């Protein structure tokens, strides 16, 4: 990193803007520095929007402006961070992951729609890993949701599908069959936001997180192999060779069969919410997530923000609930400041009052008190 947090011209001290006064009236901030608050969700404690808002509050407390740009990697939370860009909210009743109908929300604006697979086929909807049936869990509801969105935008329209948080490891077969039963997608373009960059067969590695035991994992691996052969034999698409095809239990592969473009979820969402433009005007960036670990640098929000800010020399603060030592060292080596809320404030306060802790950590960094 080449820029210090206190580098903005006109400041009287680290992180403090100078104040210009005219005619003895109220002070007016001149050249107020700008923080871009661009975190992911803190799973189980705060949404990305709540964390970004807290960061903005901390910035304001020490005389900074803040541009709130909450992010997602394609998994849960995508719909929330896209809300201000896609104001039209819809609900479609679809098949839930275990067959129970669910009213799945999705958003649109003009000829573009945003769909989140977790809203139709999510592990949370199945009751979590202990209540899920990993062999029976289906992606069918996501296919039904995709059909509804595609019909709304029409031929030539675009549907962004967030892949992540799924209960199923069915290779996306349920979704594909639902789309075929409805007669296809009517010429809509599909962009799949993959939360993980894994091959089709590697989807089984996430099955234990969905409640699968060793025997079920082996069974699901065999199923994925058969589904891949079916896709290649019937549609001529070898999903085994596609990066991202294993996202959402193999749903990425099924969407590729349907003609979707598989994209990095972080990169696609960053484009949608305008992060590159925000970074161009930033004096500092704050990002974060619930747990900073090795996966944070594999297509996730924190790793993406670090890379984007690093290329333009913008100082970065990473706030996380918990920080794996190796991951923390990696972030610091990239030039970031790293704060573990649990380490600084204790587990009870960090989880019970995440927003206040985040605001305090942000203010401390920007004011220079923590440096």
Protein backbone atom coordinates (compact mmCIF):
# COMPACT_ATOMS: atom_id res chain seq x y z
CA UNK A 1 0.00 0.00 0.00
CA UNK A 2 1.33 3.44 -0.86
CA UNK A 3 -1.25 5.76 0.67
CA UNK A 4 -1.46 6.44 4.39
CA UNK A 5 -4.89 6.77 5.98
CA UNK A 6 -4.18 10.38 6.82
CA UNK A 7 -2.96 11.47 3.44
CA UNK A 8 -5.86 13.66 2.28
CA UNK A 9 -4.80 17.27 1.74
CA UNK A 10 -6.08 19.75 4.28
CA UNK A 11 -6.26 17.45 7.30
CA UNK A 12 -4.98 18.71 10.63
CA UNK A 13 -3.93 15.26 11.82
CA UNK A 14 -4.15 11.58 10.96
CA UNK A 15 -7.69 10.88 9.83
CA UNK A 16 -8.95 14.38 10.75
CA UNK A 17 -10.19 16.81 8.07
CA UNK A 18 -9.45 20.51 8.21
CA UNK A 19 -12.44 22.83 8.70
CA UNK A 20 -12.92 25.92 6.58
CA UNK A 21 -14.96 28.74 8.13
CA UNK A 22 -16.58 31.55 6.15
CA UNK A 23 -17.75 34.81 7.74
CA UNK A 24 -17.71 33.38 11.23
CA UNK A 25 -20.56 30.99 10.44
CA UNK A 26 -20.81 27.29 11.08
CA UNK A 27 -17.79 25.25 10.14
CA UNK A 28 -17.91 23.48 6.81
CA UNK A 29 -15.75 20.43 6.17
CA UNK A 30 -13.36 20.96 3.30
CA UNK A 31 -11.85 18.12 1.36
CA UNK A 32 -13.53 15.61 3.67
CA UNK A 33 -11.86 12.22 3.23
CA UNK A 34 -13.97 9.32 1.97
CA UNK A 35 -14.17 5.81 3.35
CA UNK A 36 -15.73 3.09 1.23
CA UNK A 37 -17.46 0.58 3.53
CA UNK A 38 -17.51 -2.67 1.54
CA UNK A 39 -17.99 -5.68 3.83
CA UNK A 40 -19.62 -9.08 3.39
CA UNK A 41 -22.15 -10.34 5.95
CA UNK A 42 -21.07 -11.52 9.38
CA UNK A 43 -22.97 -14.79 9.25
CA UNK A 44 -25.31 -15.19 12.19
CA UNK A 45 -24.67 -11.77 13.71
CA UNK A 46 -25.04 -8.97 11.15
CA UNK A 47 -25.94 -8.48 7.50
CA UNK A 48 -23.56 -6.81 5.08
CA UNK A 49 -25.77 -3.74 5.09
CA UNK A 50 -25.70 -3.56 8.90
CA UNK A 51 -21.92 -3.90 8.98
CA UNK A 52 -21.40 -1.31 6.24
CA UNK A 53 -23.72 1.11 8.02
CA UNK A 54 -21.78 0.61 11.25
CA UNK A 55 -18.51 1.30 9.45
CA UNK A 56 -20.04 4.48 8.04
CA UNK A 57 -21.11 5.53 11.54
CA UNK A 58 -17.61 5.00 12.86
CA UNK A 59 -16.20 7.04 9.99
CA UNK A 60 -18.62 9.91 10.58
CA UNK A 61 -17.65 10.01 14.26
CA UNK A 62 -14.11 11.00 13.33
CA UNK A 63 -14.92 13.38 10.49
CA UNK A 64 -14.99 11.13 7.45
CA UNK A 65 -17.59 10.73 4.77
CA UNK A 66 -18.55 7.18 3.91
CA UNK A 67 -19.88 5.51 0.81
CA UNK A 68 -21.78 2.40 1.80
CA UNK A 69 -21.21 -0.46 -0.64
CA UNK A 70 -22.19 -3.73 1.07
CA UNK A 71 -21.13 -6.81 -0.87
CA UNK A 72 -21.86 -10.50 -1.33
CA UNK A 73 -20.02 -13.32 -3.06
CA UNK A 74 -23.12 -14.81 -4.68
CA UNK A 75 -24.31 -16.61 -1.57
CA UNK A 76 -26.81 -15.48 1.03
CA UNK A 77 -27.26 -11.74 1.18
CA UNK A 78 -27.05 -11.07 -2.56
CA UNK A 79 -30.66 -9.91 -2.75
CA UNK A 80 -30.18 -7.53 0.17
CA UNK A 81 -27.08 -5.80 -1.19
CA UNK A 82 -28.75 -5.38 -4.60
CA UNK A 83 -31.96 -3.91 -3.18
CA UNK A 84 -31.20 -0.26 -3.94
CA UNK A 85 -30.27 -1.10 -7.53
CA UNK A 86 -33.22 -3.45 -8.12
CA UNK A 87 -36.15 -1.89 -6.25
CA UNK A 88 -38.96 -4.09 -7.55
CA UNK A 89 -39.52 -6.95 -5.09
CA UNK A 90 -41.37 -10.11 -6.12
CA UNK A 91 -42.25 -13.41 -4.47
CA UNK A 92 -42.79 -16.70 -6.26
CA UNK A 93 -43.92 -19.89 -4.57
CA UNK A 94 -41.55 -22.69 -5.52
CA UNK A 95 -40.49 -26.15 -4.37
CA UNK A 96 -38.31 -25.86 -1.29
CA UNK A 97 -35.15 -27.93 -0.81
CA UNK A 98 -37.04 -30.78 0.90
CA UNK A 99 -40.23 -30.46 -1.16
CA UNK A 100 -42.14 -28.06 1.09
CA UNK A 101 -43.30 -25.00 -0.92
CA UNK A 102 -41.59 -21.71 -0.07
CA UNK A 103 -42.35 -18.13 -1.10
CA UNK A 104 -39.00 -17.10 -2.59
CA UNK A 105 -38.18 -13.43 -3.01
CA UNK A 106 -36.36 -11.98 -6.02
CA UNK A 107 -35.76 -8.50 -7.41
CA UNK A 108 -35.83 -6.74 -10.74
CA UNK A 109 -35.42 -3.46 -12.55
CA UNK A 110 -36.45 -3.02 -16.18
CA UNK A 111 -34.98 -5.95 -18.14
CA UNK A 112 -32.75 -7.35 -15.39
CA UNK A 113 -33.63 -9.61 -12.45
CA UNK A 114 -31.66 -10.91 -9.47
CA UNK A 115 -32.37 -14.37 -8.04
CA UNK A 116 -30.74 -15.94 -4.98
CA UNK A 117 -30.64 -19.75 -4.95
CA UNK A 118 -30.57 -19.75 -1.15
CA UNK A 119 -34.07 -18.22 -1.16
CA UNK A 120 -35.45 -21.27 -2.97
CA UNK A 121 -33.07 -24.14 -2.23
CA UNK A 122 -31.16 -22.91 0.81
CA UNK A 123 -29.81 -24.93 3.69
CA UNK A 124 -31.53 -22.58 6.12
CA UNK A 125 -34.88 -23.47 4.53
CA UNK A 126 -34.11 -27.13 5.19
CA UNK A 127 -33.58 -26.40 8.87
CA UNK A 128 -29.80 -26.42 8.79
CA UNK A 129 -27.40 -29.37 8.50
CA UNK A 130 -28.95 -31.38 11.33
CA UNK A 131 -32.44 -31.27 9.81
CA UNK A 132 -31.41 -31.55 6.17
CA UNK A 133 -31.66 -34.72 4.12
CA UNK A 134 -28.58 -34.28 1.89
CA UNK A 135 -29.61 -37.08 -0.47
CA UNK A 136 -33.17 -35.86 -0.98
CA UNK A 137 -32.43 -32.12 -1.06
CA UNK A 138 -33.20 -30.65 -4.47
CA UNK A 139 -32.39 -27.52 -6.45
CA UNK A 140 -35.75 -27.68 -8.25
CA UNK A 141 -37.06 -24.53 -6.59
CA UNK A 142 -34.17 -22.49 -7.96
CA UNK A 143 -35.07 -23.65 -11.45
CA UNK A 144 -38.67 -22.59 -10.91
CA UNK A 145 -37.54 -19.22 -9.60
CA UNK A 146 -35.26 -18.78 -12.58
CA UNK A 147 -38.17 -19.48 -14.94
CA UNK A 148 -40.32 -16.83 -13.23
CA UNK A 149 -37.55 -14.23 -13.45
CA UNK A 150 -36.74 -15.10 -17.07
CA UNK A 151 -40.36 -14.69 -18.08
CA UNK A 152 -40.47 -11.32 -16.37
CA UNK A 153 -37.43 -9.89 -18.18
CA UNK A 154 -38.27 -11.54 -21.48
CA UNK A 155 -36.09 -12.46 -24.45
CA UNK A 156 -32.90 -10.44 -24.39
CA UNK A 157 -33.27 -9.67 -20.69
CA UNK A 158 -30.76 -10.73 -18.05
CA UNK A 159 -31.13 -12.82 -14.91
CA UNK A 160 -28.34 -12.79 -12.31
CA UNK A 161 -28.42 -15.95 -10.19
CA UNK A 162 -26.53 -16.07 -6.90
CA UNK A 163 -25.14 -19.52 -6.13
CA UNK A 164 -24.44 -20.30 -2.52
CA UNK A 165 -25.96 -21.51 0.71
CA UNK A 166 -27.71 -24.45 -0.92
CA UNK A 167 -29.00 -27.57 0.83
CA UNK A 168 -28.57 -29.83 -2.18
CA UNK A 169 -25.77 -31.71 -3.89
CA UNK A 170 -27.88 -32.86 -6.83
CA UNK A 171 -25.64 -31.42 -9.53
CA UNK A 172 -28.39 -28.90 -10.32
CA UNK A 173 -30.45 -31.65 -11.92
CA UNK A 174 -33.60 -30.56 -10.10
CA UNK A 175 -33.23 -27.01 -11.40
CA UNK A 176 -32.49 -28.11 -14.94
CA UNK A 177 -35.52 -30.41 -15.03
CA UNK A 178 -37.75 -27.59 -13.74
CA UNK A 179 -36.55 -25.26 -16.49
CA UNK A 180 -37.04 -27.91 -19.15
CA UNK A 181 -40.54 -28.70 -17.85
CA UNK A 182 -41.42 -25.02 -18.23
CA UNK A 183 -40.19 -24.92 -21.82
CA UNK A 184 -36.89 -23.16 -21.24
CA UNK A 185 -35.88 -19.62 -20.37
CA UNK A 186 -37.33 -17.85 -23.37
CA UNK A 187 -34.13 -16.26 -24.63
CA UNK A 188 -33.07 -14.58 -21.37
CA UNK A 189 -29.35 -14.33 -20.62
CA UNK A 190 -28.26 -15.93 -17.35
CA UNK A 191 -25.23 -14.81 -15.35
CA UNK A 192 -24.35 -17.15 -12.50
CA UNK A 193 -22.58 -15.58 -9.52
CA UNK A 194 -20.52 -18.45 -8.10
CA UNK A 195 -19.57 -18.14 -4.44
CA UNK A 196 -16.84 -20.76 -4.83
CA UNK A 197 -14.54 -21.51 -7.75
CA UNK A 198 -14.68 -25.30 -7.65
CA UNK A 199 -15.02 -28.05 -10.23
CA UNK A 200 -18.24 -30.03 -10.56
CA UNK A 201 -17.02 -33.12 -8.72
CA UNK A 202 -15.64 -30.96 -5.89
CA UNK A 203 -19.18 -29.97 -4.91
CA UNK A 204 -19.19 -33.10 -2.74
CA UNK A 205 -16.53 -31.56 -0.49
CA UNK A 206 -19.22 -29.25 0.89
CA UNK A 207 -21.72 -32.05 1.51
CA UNK A 208 -20.64 -32.57 5.17
CA UNK A 209 -21.59 -28.94 5.83
CA UNK A 210 -25.06 -29.87 4.58
CA UNK A 211 -25.41 -32.75 6.99
CA UNK A 212 -23.95 -35.62 4.94
CA UNK A 213 -22.12 -38.41 6.74
CA UNK A 214 -19.25 -40.40 5.19
CA UNK A 215 -21.55 -42.92 3.51
CA UNK A 216 -23.77 -40.19 2.09
CA UNK A 217 -20.74 -38.27 0.83
CA UNK A 218 -19.64 -41.33 -1.17
CA UNK A 219 -23.15 -41.75 -2.55
CA UNK A 220 -23.35 -38.10 -3.54
CA UNK A 221 -19.95 -38.29 -5.25
CA UNK A 222 -21.20 -41.20 -7.36
CA UNK A 223 -24.36 -39.26 -8.18
CA UNK A 224 -22.38 -36.24 -9.34
CA UNK A 225 -20.28 -38.46 -11.61
CA UNK A 226 -23.43 -39.90 -13.18
CA UNK A 227 -25.02 -36.48 -13.60
CA UNK A 228 -21.86 -35.16 -15.30
CA UNK A 229 -21.97 -38.06 -17.75
CA UNK A 230 -25.64 -37.38 -18.40
CA UNK A 231 -25.00 -33.71 -19.10
CA UNK A 232 -22.22 -34.50 -21.54
CA UNK A 233 -24.11 -37.30 -23.29
CA UNK A 234 -27.41 -35.47 -23.64
CA UNK A 235 -26.35 -31.83 -23.98
CA UNK A 236 -22.73 -32.06 -25.13
CA UNK A 237 -21.44 -30.00 -22.18
CA UNK A 238 -18.61 -31.41 -20.10
CA UNK A 239 -19.26 -29.70 -16.78
CA UNK A 240 -16.32 -31.51 -15.20
CA UNK A 241 -13.95 -29.08 -16.89
CA UNK A 242 -15.73 -25.86 -15.89
CA UNK A 243 -14.51 -23.69 -13.03
CA UNK A 244 -17.41 -22.81 -10.79
CA UNK A 245 -19.54 -25.73 -11.97
CA UNK A 246 -19.48 -27.17 -8.46
CA UNK A 247 -21.00 -24.08 -6.85
CA UNK A 248 -24.25 -24.68 -4.93
CA UNK A 249 -23.90 -28.44 -5.01
CA UNK A 250 -23.26 -28.56 -8.75
CA UNK A 251 -25.98 -26.07 -9.69
CA UNK A 252 -23.35 -24.06 -11.53
CA UNK A 253 -22.85 -26.97 -13.89
CA UNK A 254 -26.58 -27.28 -14.61
CA UNK A 255 -26.80 -23.56 -15.37
CA UNK A 256 -23.85 -23.89 -17.73
CA UNK A 257 -25.78 -26.63 -19.53
CA UNK A 258 -28.62 -24.13 -19.88
CA UNK A 259 -26.22 -21.63 -21.45
CA UNK A 260 -25.41 -19.49 -18.43
CA UNK A 261 -22.10 -17.69 -18.03
CA UNK A 262 -20.36 -18.71 -14.81
CA UNK A 263 -18.74 -15.73 -13.11
CA UNK A 264 -16.90 -15.04 -9.88
CA UNK A 265 -19.68 -14.05 -7.53
CA UNK A 266 -17.62 -11.34 -5.89
CA UNK A 267 -16.57 -9.80 -9.20
CA UNK A 268 -20.08 -9.87 -10.63
CA UNK A 269 -21.66 -8.34 -7.54
CA UNK A 270 -18.91 -5.71 -7.33
CA UNK A 271 -19.76 -4.65 -10.88
CA UNK A 272 -23.48 -4.53 -10.16
CA UNK A 273 -23.13 -2.32 -7.06
CA UNK A 274 -20.43 -0.08 -8.54
CA UNK A 275 -17.47 -0.93 -6.32
CA UNK A 276 -14.74 -0.14 -8.90
CA UNK A 277 -16.02 3.44 -9.27
CA UNK A 278 -16.30 3.81 -5.50
CA UNK A 279 -12.73 2.65 -4.98
CA UNK A 280 -11.50 5.16 -7.56
CA UNK A 281 -12.69 8.01 -5.32
CA UNK A 282 -11.78 6.50 -1.97
CA UNK A 283 -9.18 7.57 0.56
CA UNK A 284 -9.59 4.33 2.52
CA UNK A 285 -11.61 1.14 2.43
CA UNK A 286 -13.09 -0.95 5.22
CA UNK A 287 -14.17 -4.51 4.54
CA UNK A 288 -14.79 -7.61 6.59
CA UNK A 289 -16.69 -10.82 7.28
CA UNK A 290 -17.62 -13.05 10.15
CA UNK A 291 -14.51 -15.24 10.00
CA UNK A 292 -11.27 -14.37 8.23
CA UNK A 293 -9.62 -17.61 7.14
CA UNK A 294 -7.98 -19.22 4.14
CA UNK A 295 -11.21 -19.27 2.13
CA UNK A 296 -11.40 -15.47 2.40
CA UNK A 297 -8.83 -15.24 -0.39
CA UNK A 298 -10.51 -17.77 -2.71
CA UNK A 299 -13.05 -15.65 -4.57
CA UNK A 300 -14.59 -14.14 -1.44
CA UNK A 301 -15.31 -10.52 -0.63
CA UNK A 302 -12.36 -9.69 1.63
CA UNK A 303 -9.78 -11.11 -0.76
CA UNK A 304 -11.39 -9.31 -3.67
CA UNK A 305 -11.48 -5.95 -1.91
CA UNK A 306 -7.86 -6.34 -0.82
CA UNK A 307 -6.81 -7.01 -4.40
CA UNK A 308 -8.85 -4.15 -5.83
CA UNK A 309 -7.73 -1.61 -3.27
CA UNK A 310 -4.13 -2.80 -3.42
CA UNK A 311 -3.94 -2.17 -7.15
CA UNK A 312 -4.77 1.50 -6.55
CA UNK A 313 -2.85 1.93 -3.29
CA UNK A 314 -5.90 2.58 -1.10
CA UNK A 315 -5.39 1.67 2.60
CA UNK A 316 -7.61 -1.16 3.81
CA UNK A 317 -9.08 -2.13 7.17
CA UNK A 318 -10.30 -5.70 7.58
CA UNK A 319 -12.74 -6.25 10.43
CA UNK A 320 -13.72 -9.82 11.24
CA UNK A 321 -15.46 -11.56 14.06
CA UNK A 322 -12.70 -14.13 14.32
CA UNK A 323 -9.33 -14.10 12.59
CA UNK A 324 -7.32 -17.20 11.73
CA UNK A 325 -3.66 -16.31 12.46
CA UNK A 326 -2.40 -17.38 9.04
CA UNK A 327 -5.16 -15.48 7.25
CA UNK A 328 -4.55 -12.43 9.38
CA UNK A 329 -0.86 -12.54 8.53
CA UNK A 330 -1.69 -12.84 4.85
CA UNK A 331 -3.98 -9.80 4.97
CA UNK A 332 -1.36 -7.77 6.82
CA UNK A 333 1.28 -8.81 4.29
CA UNK A 334 -1.00 -7.33 1.64
CA UNK A 335 -0.87 -4.03 3.52
CA UNK A 336 -4.15 -4.20 5.45
CA UNK A 337 -4.86 -3.47 9.08
CA UNK A 338 -6.74 -6.36 10.69
CA UNK A 339 -9.07 -6.26 13.69
CA UNK A 340 -10.58 -9.33 15.33
CA UNK A 341 -13.75 -8.28 17.17
CA UNK A 342 -13.62 -11.33 19.42
CA UNK A 343 -10.01 -10.66 20.37
CA UNK A 344 -10.55 -6.97 20.97
CA UNK A 345 -14.00 -6.90 22.58
CA UNK A 346 -14.55 -10.45 23.78
CA UNK A 347 -16.84 -13.07 22.28
CA UNK A 348 -20.01 -12.00 24.10
CA UNK A 349 -19.85 -8.37 23.01
CA UNK A 350 -18.51 -9.14 19.53
CA UNK A 351 -21.46 -11.41 18.75
CA UNK A 352 -24.07 -9.55 20.75
CA UNK A 353 -23.26 -6.02 19.59
CA UNK A 354 -21.38 -6.53 16.33
CA UNK A 355 -22.40 -3.18 14.84
CA UNK A 356 -21.14 -1.09 17.77
CA UNK A 357 -17.86 -2.99 17.90
CA UNK A 358 -17.37 -2.54 14.15
CA UNK A 359 -18.08 1.18 14.36
CA UNK A 360 -15.59 1.59 17.20
CA UNK A 361 -12.89 -0.37 15.37
CA UNK A 362 -13.41 1.68 12.21
CA UNK A 363 -13.26 4.99 14.06
CA UNK A 364 -10.12 3.96 15.90
CA UNK A 365 -8.33 3.05 12.69
CA UNK A 366 -9.35 6.18 10.81
CA UNK A 367 -8.44 8.49 13.68
CA UNK A 368 -5.02 6.92 13.99
CA UNK A 369 -5.62 5.78 17.56
CA UNK A 370 -5.05 2.15 16.61
CA UNK A 371 -1.96 2.72 14.51
